[in-house]
Structure formats: C-alpha cells, structure tokens
Amino acid sequence: MSRRTDRINEQLREEISTILSRQVKDPRLNAVISITRVVASNDLRSARVYISVMGNKETKEEALQGLQSAASFLRREIRDRINMKHTPFMTYHLDDSLEEASQVLNIMDQIKSAEGDSVEPTNVLGDD
C-alpha cells in the first residue's frame, strides 16, 4: 500500500471511531467497540472496516448488525469530514485477531510453565 492509502486508512479509522462514540445512538452499539483497522482498496472506492467487540458471540453479532444498519449514516458523516473525491463504500467485519493473539499467549504461558516444571536448566555455553 502507498503512504497515501495508509494515511487515509488511519484517518478513516479515527473518524469512524469518533462518530461511533459521539453520534450513533443505536442500542446494539452500547458494547465496547474498537475499530482495529481499515483496509481501503487501491482506488479508494471501497474499504473493509474491522471491529473488535468486547462480549460474547451474541453481543458481537448485534454490534455488527448495528454497524451495518448505520453504514449509510457513517458514510455521509465521513463524506462531510474527510475531503476525498469519492467516499469509500465501507463493509464491516468482526476482527478476531485480538482474541486469537490472547489464545496464543495463553498457550505459550502454559508451555513455559510446563517446561519450567519438568526441564532441568542446561549450560548453553558449554562451560562446566
């Protein structure tokens, strides 16, 4: 991606977060929602918005539905806030990368504690 696209992705992420926290009043969006990243196409006519929602699967699905129903409002607000030739059509997707990273860290901690219990320290340098 170009620097311009990266800049626009970040600006879109910030503006969507601001609009969600201050202007959208949908009760489905009362959960803690984070815009984790935005990936715009090369021609900047479309963008995938990845969200992370705290809560169970039902809460996440409700938040995603709330965002999809507010999509036209969000696009209008973005059009007014960001000076672009074309305001991208945004699709919203759940981002599970934070949960996956947490699971990987938990597994690594379990392995580390299991190794610490059963493995004798070895002399890596070869000095006796």
C-alpha atoms as a PDB file:
ATOM      1  CA  MET A   1       0.000   0.000   0.000  1.00  0.00           C
ATOM      2  CA  SER A   2       1.072   3.523  -0.615  1.00  0.00           C
ATOM      3  CA  ARG A   3       1.635   6.115   2.062  1.00  0.00           C
ATOM      4  CA  ARG A   4      -1.465   7.936   0.920  1.00  0.00           C
ATOM      5  CA  THR A   5      -3.626   4.843   1.326  1.00  0.00           C
ATOM      6  CA  ASP A   6      -2.116   4.180   4.749  1.00  0.00           C
ATOM      7  CA  ARG A   7      -2.860   7.772   5.777  1.00  0.00           C
ATOM      8  CA  ILE A   8      -6.442   7.522   4.535  1.00  0.00           C
ATOM      9  CA  ASN A   9      -6.930   4.180   6.303  1.00  0.00           C
ATOM     10  CA  GLU A  10      -5.813   5.701   9.579  1.00  0.00           C
ATOM     11  CA  GLN A  11      -7.930   8.817   9.086  1.00  0.00           C
ATOM     12  CA  LEU A  12     -10.997   6.697   8.302  1.00  0.00           C
ATOM     13  CA  ARG A  13     -10.365   4.577  11.409  1.00  0.00           C
ATOM     14  CA  GLU A  14     -10.151   7.658  13.628  1.00  0.00           C
ATOM     15  CA  GLU A  15     -13.222   9.338  12.144  1.00  0.00           C
ATOM     16  CA  ILE A  16     -15.386   6.198  12.347  1.00  0.00           C
ATOM     17  CA  SER A  17     -14.351   5.736  15.986  1.00  0.00           C
ATOM     18  CA  THR A  18     -15.247   9.332  16.776  1.00  0.00           C
ATOM     19  CA  ILE A  19     -18.618   9.135  15.033  1.00  0.00           C
ATOM     20  CA  LEU A  20     -19.474   5.869  16.779  1.00  0.00           C
ATOM     21  CA  SER A  21     -18.641   7.198  20.201  1.00  0.00           C
ATOM     22  CA  ARG A  22     -20.351  10.580  19.826  1.00  0.00           C
ATOM     23  CA  GLN A  23     -23.153  10.414  17.287  1.00  0.00           C
ATOM     24  CA  VAL A  24     -24.532   6.904  16.794  1.00  0.00           C
ATOM     25  CA  LYS A  25     -27.327   6.141  19.263  1.00  0.00           C
ATOM     26  CA  ASP A  26     -28.155   2.542  18.268  1.00  0.00           C
ATOM     27  CA  PRO A  27     -28.666   0.406  21.425  1.00  0.00           C
ATOM     28  CA  ARG A  28     -26.933  -2.506  19.689  1.00  0.00           C
ATOM     29  CA  LEU A  29     -23.750  -0.428  19.750  1.00  0.00           C
ATOM     30  CA  ASN A  30     -23.591   0.026  23.521  1.00  0.00           C
ATOM     31  CA  ALA A  31     -20.839  -2.590  23.871  1.00  0.00           C
ATOM     32  CA  VAL A  32     -17.171  -1.653  23.884  1.00  0.00           C
ATOM     33  CA  ILE A  33     -16.350  -1.413  20.180  1.00  0.00           C
ATOM     34  CA  SER A  34     -12.909  -0.726  18.761  1.00  0.00           C
ATOM     35  CA  ILE A  35     -12.108  -0.066  15.154  1.00  0.00           C
ATOM     36  CA  THR A  36      -8.964  -2.162  14.841  1.00  0.00           C
ATOM     37  CA  ARG A  37      -8.088  -1.346  11.249  1.00  0.00           C
ATOM     38  CA  VAL A  38      -9.399  -0.105   7.940  1.00  0.00           C
ATOM     39  CA  VAL A  39      -8.220  -1.516   4.630  1.00  0.00           C
ATOM     40  CA  ALA A  40      -9.143   0.627   1.631  1.00  0.00           C
ATOM     41  CA  SER A  41      -8.924  -0.617  -1.925  1.00  0.00           C
ATOM     42  CA  ASN A  42      -6.265   0.844  -4.215  1.00  0.00           C
ATOM     43  CA  ASP A  43      -8.813   3.061  -5.978  1.00  0.00           C
ATOM     44  CA  LEU A  44     -10.231   4.173  -2.562  1.00  0.00           C
ATOM     45  CA  ARG A  45     -13.809   3.388  -3.618  1.00  0.00           C
ATOM     46  CA  SER A  46     -14.317   0.685  -1.015  1.00  0.00           C
ATOM     47  CA  ALA A  47     -12.942  -0.133   2.395  1.00  0.00           C
ATOM     48  CA  ARG A  48     -13.156  -3.026   4.828  1.00  0.00           C
ATOM     49  CA  VAL A  49     -13.564  -1.875   8.427  1.00  0.00           C
ATOM     50  CA  TYR A  50     -12.513  -4.404  11.071  1.00  0.00           C
ATOM     51  CA  ILE A  51     -14.076  -4.114  14.512  1.00  0.00           C
ATOM     52  CA  SER A  52     -13.369  -5.736  17.833  1.00  0.00           C
ATOM     53  CA  VAL A  53     -16.248  -6.042  20.285  1.00  0.00           C
ATOM     54  CA  MET A  54     -15.973  -6.988  23.945  1.00  0.00           C
ATOM     55  CA  GLY A  55     -18.539  -9.583  24.921  1.00  0.00           C
ATOM     56  CA  ASN A  56     -19.980 -12.884  23.854  1.00  0.00           C
ATOM     57  CA  LYS A  57     -20.777 -14.011  20.319  1.00  0.00           C
ATOM     58  CA  GLU A  58     -24.327 -12.631  20.504  1.00  0.00           C
ATOM     59  CA  THR A  59     -23.082  -9.177  21.545  1.00  0.00           C
ATOM     60  CA  LYS A  60     -20.573  -9.190  18.689  1.00  0.00           C
ATOM     61  CA  GLU A  61     -23.214 -10.133  16.116  1.00  0.00           C
ATOM     62  CA  GLU A  62     -25.597  -7.452  17.398  1.00  0.00           C
ATOM     63  CA  ALA A  63     -22.860  -4.822  17.190  1.00  0.00           C
ATOM     64  CA  LEU A  64     -22.039  -5.907  13.639  1.00  0.00           C
ATOM     65  CA  GLN A  65     -25.723  -5.667  12.662  1.00  0.00           C
ATOM     66  CA  GLY A  66     -25.952  -2.228  14.274  1.00  0.00           C
ATOM     67  CA  LEU A  67     -22.937  -1.023  12.301  1.00  0.00           C
ATOM     68  CA  GLN A  68     -24.324  -2.406   9.068  1.00  0.00           C
ATOM     69  CA  SER A  69     -27.619  -0.620   9.632  1.00  0.00           C
ATOM     70  CA  ALA A  70     -25.754   2.622  10.382  1.00  0.00           C
ATOM     71  CA  ALA A  71     -23.477   2.254   7.337  1.00  0.00           C
ATOM     72  CA  SER A  72     -25.171   4.919   5.209  1.00  0.00           C
ATOM     73  CA  PHE A  73     -25.161   7.394   8.119  1.00  0.00           C
ATOM     74  CA  LEU A  74     -21.464   6.688   8.755  1.00  0.00           C
ATOM     75  CA  ARG A  75     -20.642   7.149   5.061  1.00  0.00           C
ATOM     76  CA  ARG A  76     -22.459  10.514   4.976  1.00  0.00           C
ATOM     77  CA  GLU A  77     -20.624  11.684   8.074  1.00  0.00           C
ATOM     78  CA  ILE A  78     -17.283  10.553   6.641  1.00  0.00           C
ATOM     79  CA  ARG A  79     -18.057  12.391   3.391  1.00  0.00           C
ATOM     80  CA  ASP A  80     -18.601  15.616   5.353  1.00  0.00           C
ATOM     81  CA  ARG A  81     -15.463  15.187   7.486  1.00  0.00           C
ATOM     82  CA  ILE A  82     -12.869  13.943   5.001  1.00  0.00           C
ATOM     83  CA  ASN A  83     -12.190  15.766   1.781  1.00  0.00           C
ATOM     84  CA  MET A  84     -11.972  12.995  -0.812  1.00  0.00           C
ATOM     85  CA  LYS A  85     -13.083  12.758  -4.407  1.00  0.00           C
ATOM     86  CA  HIS A  86     -15.020   9.565  -3.625  1.00  0.00           C
ATOM     87  CA  THR A  87     -16.151   8.461  -0.194  1.00  0.00           C
ATOM     88  CA  PRO A  88     -15.488   4.730   0.039  1.00  0.00           C
ATOM     89  CA  PHE A  89     -18.274   2.199   0.494  1.00  0.00           C
ATOM     90  CA  MET A  90     -17.455   0.551   3.801  1.00  0.00           C
ATOM     91  CA  THR A  91     -18.151  -3.022   4.790  1.00  0.00           C
ATOM     92  CA  TYR A  92     -17.846  -4.071   8.412  1.00  0.00           C
ATOM     93  CA  HIS A  93     -16.209  -7.279   9.616  1.00  0.00           C
ATOM     94  CA  LEU A  94     -15.518  -8.758  13.034  1.00  0.00           C
ATOM     95  CA  ASP A  95     -11.812  -8.852  13.839  1.00  0.00           C
ATOM     96  CA  ASP A  96     -10.917 -11.838  15.981  1.00  0.00           C
ATOM     97  CA  SER A  97      -7.178 -11.211  15.866  1.00  0.00           C
ATOM     98  CA  LEU A  98      -7.071  -9.858  19.438  1.00  0.00           C
ATOM     99  CA  GLU A  99      -8.736 -12.976  20.807  1.00  0.00           C
ATOM    100  CA  GLU A 100      -6.505 -15.216  18.695  1.00  0.00           C
ATOM    101  CA  ALA A 101      -3.412 -13.403  19.978  1.00  0.00           C
ATOM    102  CA  SER A 102      -4.650 -13.815  23.546  1.00  0.00           C
ATOM    103  CA  GLN A 103      -5.129 -17.548  22.991  1.00  0.00           C
ATOM    104  CA  VAL A 104      -1.628 -17.882  21.541  1.00  0.00           C
ATOM    105  CA  LEU A 105      -0.150 -16.047  24.538  1.00  0.00           C
ATOM    106  CA  ASN A 106      -2.075 -18.299  26.925  1.00  0.00           C
ATOM    107  CA  ILE A 107      -0.751 -21.395  25.148  1.00  0.00           C
ATOM    108  CA  MET A 108       2.790 -20.005  25.278  1.00  0.00           C
ATOM    109  CA  ASP A 109       2.413 -19.340  29.017  1.00  0.00           C
ATOM    110  CA  GLN A 110       1.172 -22.887  29.563  1.00  0.00           C
ATOM    111  CA  ILE A 111       4.124 -24.319  27.629  1.00  0.00           C
ATOM    112  CA  LYS A 112       6.543 -22.110  29.520  1.00  0.00           C
ATOM    113  CA  SER A 113       5.175 -23.151  32.905  1.00  0.00           C
ATOM    114  CA  ALA A 114       5.165 -26.832  31.858  1.00  0.00           C
ATOM    115  CA  GLU A 115       8.779 -26.578  30.692  1.00  0.00           C
ATOM    116  CA  GLY A 116       9.780 -24.782  33.872  1.00  0.00           C
ATOM    117  CA  ASP A 117       8.401 -27.638  35.949  1.00  0.00           C
ATOM    118  CA  SER A 118       9.959 -30.525  34.037  1.00  0.00           C
ATOM    119  CA  VAL A 119      13.141 -29.343  32.331  1.00  0.00           C
ATOM    120  CA  GLU A 120      16.487 -29.020  34.080  1.00  0.00           C
ATOM    121  CA  PRO A 121      18.465 -25.908  33.185  1.00  0.00           C
ATOM    122  CA  THR A 122      21.226 -26.662  30.695  1.00  0.00           C
ATOM    123  CA  ASN A 123      24.537 -24.946  30.181  1.00  0.00           C
ATOM    124  CA  VAL A 124      24.250 -23.366  26.752  1.00  0.00           C
ATOM    125  CA  LEU A 125      27.820 -22.039  26.670  1.00  0.00           C
ATOM    126  CA  GLY A 126      29.403 -25.438  27.255  1.00  0.00           C
ATOM    127  CA  ASP A 127      31.319 -24.247  30.345  1.00  0.00           C
ATOM    128  CA  ASP A 128      31.364 -26.802  33.170  1.00  0.00           C
END
